[in-house]
Amino acid sequence: MAEEIINLAPDTIADLITQLGSIGKWIQAVGIVVILWLIFEIIILINNRIRRKQLYKIEEQLKGIEKKLDKVLKR
């Protein structure tokens, strides 16, 4: 096997290197897309967490208002 690789013509080796380079470019492109997707997902998760905290605050405020209304209506 090693002898076959050594005995390859220079054109064949150049073609092989070119093909490997193009595969490397595709792998880089896929990697960049995955990294960008992860960044967007992290941003979305952070925004959802902030919104969830705001909703919890509103919920607590509503519970307080309900308690006050219950007290007023009982009188």
N, C-alpha and C. Protein backbone atom coordinates (compact mmCIF):
# COMPACT_ATOMS: atom_id res chain seq x y z
N MET A 1 0.82 -1.19 0.00
CA MET A 1 0.00 0.00 0.00
C MET A 1 0.86 1.25 0.00
N ALA A 2 1.87 1.29 0.85
CA ALA A 2 2.74 2.46 0.92
C ALA A 2 3.50 2.63 -0.39
N GLU A 3 3.89 1.53 -1.03
CA GLU A 3 4.62 1.61 -2.30
C GLU A 3 3.73 2.22 -3.38
N GLU A 4 2.42 1.90 -3.33
CA GLU A 4 1.50 2.46 -4.32
C GLU A 4 1.40 3.97 -4.17
N ILE A 5 1.37 4.44 -2.94
CA ILE A 5 1.27 5.87 -2.70
C ILE A 5 2.55 6.57 -3.14
N ILE A 6 3.69 5.95 -2.85
CA ILE A 6 4.97 6.55 -3.23
C ILE A 6 5.12 6.58 -4.75
N ASN A 7 4.63 5.59 -5.44
CA ASN A 7 4.79 5.48 -6.88
C ASN A 7 3.74 6.28 -7.66
N LEU A 8 2.86 7.02 -7.01
CA LEU A 8 1.84 7.79 -7.71
C LEU A 8 2.50 8.93 -8.48
N ALA A 9 1.88 9.28 -9.57
CA ALA A 9 2.38 10.39 -10.38
C ALA A 9 2.13 11.70 -9.64
N PRO A 10 2.95 12.71 -9.91
CA PRO A 10 2.76 14.01 -9.23
C PRO A 10 1.38 14.61 -9.49
N ASP A 11 0.83 14.39 -10.69
CA ASP A 11 -0.50 14.92 -10.98
C ASP A 11 -1.56 14.27 -10.08
N THR A 12 -1.41 12.96 -9.87
CA THR A 12 -2.37 12.24 -9.03
C THR A 12 -2.28 12.72 -7.59
N ILE A 13 -1.06 12.95 -7.10
CA ILE A 13 -0.88 13.45 -5.75
C ILE A 13 -1.48 14.85 -5.63
N ALA A 14 -1.27 15.68 -6.62
CA ALA A 14 -1.82 17.04 -6.60
C ALA A 14 -3.36 16.99 -6.60
N ASP A 15 -3.92 16.10 -7.41
CA ASP A 15 -5.39 15.95 -7.43
C ASP A 15 -5.90 15.48 -6.07
N LEU A 16 -5.17 14.54 -5.46
CA LEU A 16 -5.56 14.04 -4.16
C LEU A 16 -5.53 15.14 -3.11
N ILE A 17 -4.49 15.95 -3.13
CA ILE A 17 -4.37 17.06 -2.18
C ILE A 17 -5.47 18.09 -2.43
N THR A 18 -5.79 18.34 -3.70
CA THR A 18 -6.87 19.28 -4.03
C THR A 18 -8.21 18.78 -3.50
N GLN A 19 -8.47 17.50 -3.69
CA GLN A 19 -9.73 16.92 -3.20
C GLN A 19 -9.80 16.98 -1.68
N LEU A 20 -8.69 16.67 -1.01
CA LEU A 20 -8.68 16.75 0.45
C LEU A 20 -8.89 18.19 0.92
N GLY A 21 -8.32 19.15 0.18
CA GLY A 21 -8.50 20.56 0.52
C GLY A 21 -9.95 20.99 0.38
N SER A 22 -10.61 20.51 -0.67
CA SER A 22 -12.02 20.89 -0.85
C SER A 22 -12.90 20.26 0.22
N ILE A 23 -12.55 19.04 0.64
CA ILE A 23 -13.28 18.41 1.75
C ILE A 23 -13.07 19.21 3.03
N GLY A 24 -11.85 19.69 3.23
CA GLY A 24 -11.55 20.51 4.41
C GLY A 24 -12.36 21.80 4.41
N LYS A 25 -12.54 22.40 3.25
CA LYS A 25 -13.33 23.63 3.16
C LYS A 25 -14.78 23.36 3.52
N TRP A 26 -15.31 22.23 3.06
CA TRP A 26 -16.70 21.88 3.41
C TRP A 26 -16.83 21.66 4.91
N ILE A 27 -15.85 20.99 5.49
CA ILE A 27 -15.89 20.75 6.93
C ILE A 27 -15.82 22.07 7.69
N GLN A 28 -15.00 23.00 7.21
CA GLN A 28 -14.94 24.33 7.83
C GLN A 28 -16.27 25.05 7.73
N ALA A 29 -16.89 24.98 6.56
CA ALA A 29 -18.18 25.65 6.36
C ALA A 29 -19.24 25.08 7.30
N VAL A 30 -19.28 23.77 7.42
CA VAL A 30 -20.24 23.14 8.32
C VAL A 30 -19.93 23.54 9.77
N GLY A 31 -18.67 23.60 10.12
CA GLY A 31 -18.28 24.00 11.47
C GLY A 31 -18.72 25.42 11.78
N ILE A 32 -18.56 26.33 10.83
CA ILE A 32 -18.98 27.72 11.02
C ILE A 32 -20.49 27.79 11.20
N VAL A 33 -21.22 27.05 10.40
CA VAL A 33 -22.68 27.04 10.53
C VAL A 33 -23.09 26.52 11.91
N VAL A 34 -22.45 25.48 12.38
CA VAL A 34 -22.78 24.90 13.70
C VAL A 34 -22.46 25.92 14.80
N ILE A 35 -21.32 26.58 14.69
CA ILE A 35 -20.94 27.57 15.71
C ILE A 35 -21.93 28.73 15.72
N LEU A 36 -22.32 29.23 14.55
CA LEU A 36 -23.30 30.31 14.49
C LEU A 36 -24.64 29.87 15.06
N TRP A 37 -25.05 28.64 14.76
CA TRP A 37 -26.30 28.10 15.30
C TRP A 37 -26.25 28.05 16.83
N LEU A 38 -25.11 27.60 17.37
CA LEU A 38 -24.95 27.54 18.83
C LEU A 38 -25.02 28.93 19.45
N ILE A 39 -24.39 29.90 18.81
CA ILE A 39 -24.42 31.27 19.33
C ILE A 39 -25.85 31.80 19.35
N PHE A 40 -26.59 31.58 18.27
CA PHE A 40 -27.98 32.04 18.24
C PHE A 40 -28.82 31.32 19.29
N GLU A 41 -28.60 30.04 19.49
CA GLU A 41 -29.35 29.29 20.49
C GLU A 41 -29.05 29.82 21.90
N ILE A 42 -27.79 30.14 22.17
CA ILE A 42 -27.43 30.68 23.48
C ILE A 42 -28.11 32.03 23.70
N ILE A 43 -28.13 32.87 22.67
CA ILE A 43 -28.80 34.17 22.77
C ILE A 43 -30.29 33.98 23.04
N ILE A 44 -30.90 33.06 22.34
CA ILE A 44 -32.34 32.79 22.53
C ILE A 44 -32.60 32.28 23.96
N LEU A 45 -31.74 31.39 24.46
CA LEU A 45 -31.91 30.88 25.82
C LEU A 45 -31.79 31.99 26.86
N ILE A 46 -30.84 32.89 26.66
CA ILE A 46 -30.68 34.01 27.59
C ILE A 46 -31.90 34.91 27.57
N ASN A 47 -32.40 35.22 26.37
CA ASN A 47 -33.60 36.06 26.25
C ASN A 47 -34.81 35.39 26.90
N ASN A 48 -34.96 34.10 26.69
CA ASN A 48 -36.09 33.38 27.31
C ASN A 48 -35.98 33.38 28.82
N ARG A 49 -34.78 33.28 29.34
CA ARG A 49 -34.60 33.29 30.80
C ARG A 49 -34.99 34.66 31.36
N ILE A 50 -34.59 35.72 30.68
CA ILE A 50 -34.96 37.07 31.12
C ILE A 50 -36.47 37.23 31.10
N ARG A 51 -37.10 36.79 30.04
CA ARG A 51 -38.56 36.89 29.94
C ARG A 51 -39.25 36.07 31.03
N ARG A 52 -38.72 34.89 31.29
CA ARG A 52 -39.31 34.03 32.31
C ARG A 52 -39.23 34.70 33.68
N LYS A 53 -38.10 35.34 33.99
CA LYS A 53 -37.96 36.05 35.26
C LYS A 53 -38.98 37.18 35.35
N GLN A 54 -39.19 37.90 34.26
CA GLN A 54 -40.18 38.97 34.26
C GLN A 54 -41.58 38.42 34.48
N LEU A 55 -41.89 37.29 33.86
CA LEU A 55 -43.20 36.68 34.06
C LEU A 55 -43.39 36.24 35.50
N TYR A 56 -42.34 35.70 36.13
CA TYR A 56 -42.45 35.30 37.53
C TYR A 56 -42.72 36.51 38.43
N LYS A 57 -42.06 37.64 38.13
CA LYS A 57 -42.30 38.86 38.90
C LYS A 57 -43.74 39.32 38.75
N ILE A 58 -44.24 39.29 37.53
CA ILE A 58 -45.63 39.69 37.29
C ILE A 58 -46.58 38.76 38.01
N GLU A 59 -46.27 37.47 37.98
CA GLU A 59 -47.12 36.48 38.65
C GLU A 59 -47.17 36.75 40.15
N GLU A 60 -46.03 37.06 40.75
CA GLU A 60 -45.99 37.35 42.18
C GLU A 60 -46.79 38.62 42.49
N GLN A 61 -46.67 39.61 41.63
CA GLN A 61 -47.42 40.84 41.82
C GLN A 61 -48.93 40.58 41.74
N LEU A 62 -49.32 39.74 40.79
CA LEU A 62 -50.74 39.41 40.66
C LEU A 62 -51.25 38.66 41.89
N LYS A 63 -50.44 37.77 42.43
CA LYS A 63 -50.83 37.05 43.64
C LYS A 63 -51.04 38.03 44.79
N GLY A 64 -50.15 39.01 44.90
CA GLY A 64 -50.30 40.02 45.94
C GLY A 64 -51.56 40.85 45.76
N ILE A 65 -51.85 41.21 44.52
CA ILE A 65 -53.07 41.98 44.24
C ILE A 65 -54.31 41.14 44.56
N GLU A 66 -54.28 39.86 44.21
CA GLU A 66 -55.41 38.97 44.51
C GLU A 66 -55.64 38.87 46.01
N LYS A 67 -54.56 38.77 46.79
CA LYS A 67 -54.70 38.68 48.24
C LYS A 67 -55.33 39.96 48.80
N LYS A 68 -54.87 41.09 48.28
CA LYS A 68 -55.43 42.36 48.74
C LYS A 68 -56.90 42.47 48.37
N LEU A 69 -57.23 42.05 47.16
CA LEU A 69 -58.64 42.10 46.74
C LEU A 69 -59.50 41.17 47.61
N ASP A 70 -58.99 40.01 47.92
CA ASP A 70 -59.72 39.08 48.77
C ASP A 70 -60.00 39.70 50.14
N LYS A 71 -58.97 40.38 50.69
CA LYS A 71 -59.16 41.02 51.99
C LYS A 71 -60.21 42.12 51.91
N VAL A 72 -60.17 42.92 50.83
CA VAL A 72 -61.12 44.02 50.67
C VAL A 72 -62.53 43.47 50.48
N LEU A 73 -62.69 42.42 49.70
CA LEU A 73 -64.01 41.88 49.43
C LEU A 73 -64.61 41.17 50.64
N LYS A 74 -63.79 40.67 51.55
CA LYS A 74 -64.28 39.99 52.75
C LYS A 74 -64.88 40.99 53.72
N ARG A 75 -64.50 42.22 53.68
CA ARG A 75 -64.98 43.22 54.62
C ARG A 75 -66.36 43.61 54.32
